[in-house]
Amino acid sequence: MIELLVVMGIMSALIAVALPRYGAYRASAFDSRAEIDLRSVAMAEEAYFLDFDKYLACSGTSCSQLPGIKKLSSGVVLSVTTSETGFKGTASHPRGSGRVFNWDSEQGGLLDQ
């Protein structure tokens, strides 16, 4: 009986350490979804520019008009604004860490935060 209590104590200690890390890994995965979608949309914007000589402003499901974009990852909040010379995009995921990814084509791509 004592051995069973010791094993349960060890298991509960391991679980207490693992759960917070699991949450951080999960938030990081949602952030990665947002970043990857932003990169994909940025490449699609450049392909669109080659075909139509302009960039396409879009957000959410309207970005599926871009070549190669069928849909965004579930839950990703993404928007693209355009200007005469480039475009800016932002992406985040509500279940992520709160990080917002920014893309500026005039400044060379993904911006550091």
Protein backbone atom coordinates (compact mmCIF):
# COMPACT_ATOMS: atom_id res chain seq x y z
CA MET A 1 0.00 0.00 0.00
CA ILE A 2 2.86 2.37 0.82
CA GLU A 3 4.50 1.62 -2.52
CA LEU A 4 1.28 2.57 -4.31
CA LEU A 5 1.14 5.87 -2.40
CA VAL A 6 4.77 6.63 -3.31
CA VAL A 7 4.12 5.93 -6.99
CA MET A 8 1.01 8.13 -6.92
CA GLY A 9 3.03 10.92 -5.26
CA ILE A 10 5.72 10.71 -7.92
CA MET A 11 3.12 10.69 -10.71
CA SER A 12 1.32 13.73 -9.30
CA ALA A 13 4.63 15.62 -9.04
CA LEU A 14 5.42 14.83 -12.69
CA ILE A 15 1.96 15.92 -13.79
CA ALA A 16 2.28 19.17 -11.82
CA VAL A 17 5.48 19.96 -13.72
CA ALA A 18 4.24 18.82 -17.15
CA LEU A 19 0.88 20.62 -17.34
CA PRO A 20 2.21 24.21 -17.46
CA ARG A 21 4.74 23.23 -20.10
CA TYR A 22 2.03 21.55 -22.15
CA GLY A 23 0.05 24.79 -22.18
CA ALA A 24 3.09 26.74 -23.38
CA TYR A 25 3.78 24.21 -26.15
CA ARG A 26 0.16 24.37 -27.23
CA ALA A 27 0.18 28.19 -27.38
CA SER A 28 3.41 28.04 -29.37
CA ALA A 29 1.77 25.68 -31.88
CA PHE A 30 -1.13 28.12 -32.39
CA ASP A 31 1.37 30.97 -32.86
CA SER A 32 3.19 28.89 -35.46
CA ARG A 33 -0.06 28.39 -37.37
CA ALA A 34 -0.55 32.16 -37.55
CA GLU A 35 3.04 32.79 -38.68
CA ILE A 36 2.92 30.09 -41.36
CA ASP A 37 -0.40 31.37 -42.70
CA LEU A 38 1.01 34.91 -42.87
CA ARG A 39 4.06 33.68 -44.78
CA SER A 40 1.86 31.73 -47.21
CA VAL A 41 -0.39 34.72 -47.83
CA ALA A 42 2.65 36.96 -48.37
CA MET A 43 4.00 34.60 -51.04
CA ALA A 44 0.55 34.43 -52.63
CA GLU A 45 0.39 38.24 -52.66
CA GLU A 46 3.61 38.34 -54.66
CA ALA A 47 2.24 35.77 -57.12
CA TYR A 48 -0.97 37.82 -57.42
CA PHE A 49 1.12 40.94 -58.10
CA LEU A 50 2.93 39.19 -60.95
CA ASP A 51 -0.40 38.34 -62.60
CA PHE A 52 -2.38 41.55 -61.97
CA ASP A 53 0.28 44.21 -61.27
CA LYS A 54 -1.37 45.07 -57.93
CA TYR A 55 -1.73 43.60 -54.46
CA LEU A 56 -5.03 42.30 -53.05
CA ALA A 57 -6.29 43.58 -49.71
CA CYS A 58 -7.96 40.76 -47.83
CA SER A 59 -8.85 39.40 -44.43
CA GLY A 60 -9.92 35.96 -43.24
CA THR A 61 -11.74 33.92 -45.86
CA SER A 62 -11.39 36.59 -48.56
CA CYS A 63 -7.67 35.71 -48.75
CA SER A 64 -8.70 32.50 -50.52
CA GLN A 65 -8.89 34.59 -53.72
CA LEU A 66 -5.09 34.62 -53.72
CA PRO A 67 -3.36 31.94 -55.80
CA GLY A 68 -2.53 28.82 -53.81
CA ILE A 69 -4.56 29.79 -50.73
CA LYS A 70 -7.52 27.48 -50.24
CA LYS A 71 -8.23 28.49 -46.63
CA LEU A 72 -6.44 29.67 -43.52
CA SER A 73 -5.79 27.48 -40.52
CA SER A 74 -8.72 27.23 -38.16
CA GLY A 75 -8.90 30.23 -35.82
CA VAL A 76 -6.16 32.32 -37.43
CA VAL A 77 -7.01 36.03 -37.60
CA LEU A 78 -5.24 37.51 -40.62
CA SER A 79 -5.58 40.76 -42.54
CA VAL A 80 -3.67 42.38 -45.39
CA THR A 81 -3.71 46.05 -46.34
CA THR A 82 -2.23 47.33 -49.57
CA SER A 83 -0.61 50.47 -50.89
CA GLU A 84 0.72 51.52 -54.29
CA THR A 85 4.13 50.02 -53.56
CA GLY A 86 3.52 47.08 -51.25
CA PHE A 87 1.39 45.43 -48.61
CA LYS A 88 1.29 44.91 -44.86
CA GLY A 89 -0.16 41.91 -43.13
CA THR A 90 -0.87 40.88 -39.57
CA ALA A 91 -1.75 37.47 -38.16
CA SER A 92 -2.48 36.05 -34.73
CA HIS A 93 -4.37 33.22 -33.11
CA PRO A 94 -6.72 33.80 -30.16
CA ARG A 95 -5.56 30.57 -28.49
CA GLY A 96 -1.89 31.45 -28.91
CA SER A 97 0.37 33.43 -26.60
CA GLY A 98 -1.04 36.76 -27.78
CA ARG A 99 1.80 37.36 -30.21
CA VAL A 100 0.90 39.27 -33.38
CA PHE A 101 3.01 38.62 -36.46
CA ASN A 102 3.60 41.53 -38.83
CA TRP A 103 4.68 41.44 -42.47
CA ASP A 104 5.77 44.53 -44.39
CA SER A 105 6.76 43.93 -48.00
CA GLU A 106 8.46 47.34 -48.20
CA GLN A 107 10.69 46.54 -45.23
CA GLY A 108 11.70 43.10 -46.41
CA GLY A 109 9.14 40.72 -44.95
CA LEU A 110 8.46 39.44 -41.45
CA LEU A 111 9.19 42.08 -38.82
CA ASP A 112 10.81 41.27 -35.48
CA GLN A 113 8.97 42.26 -32.38
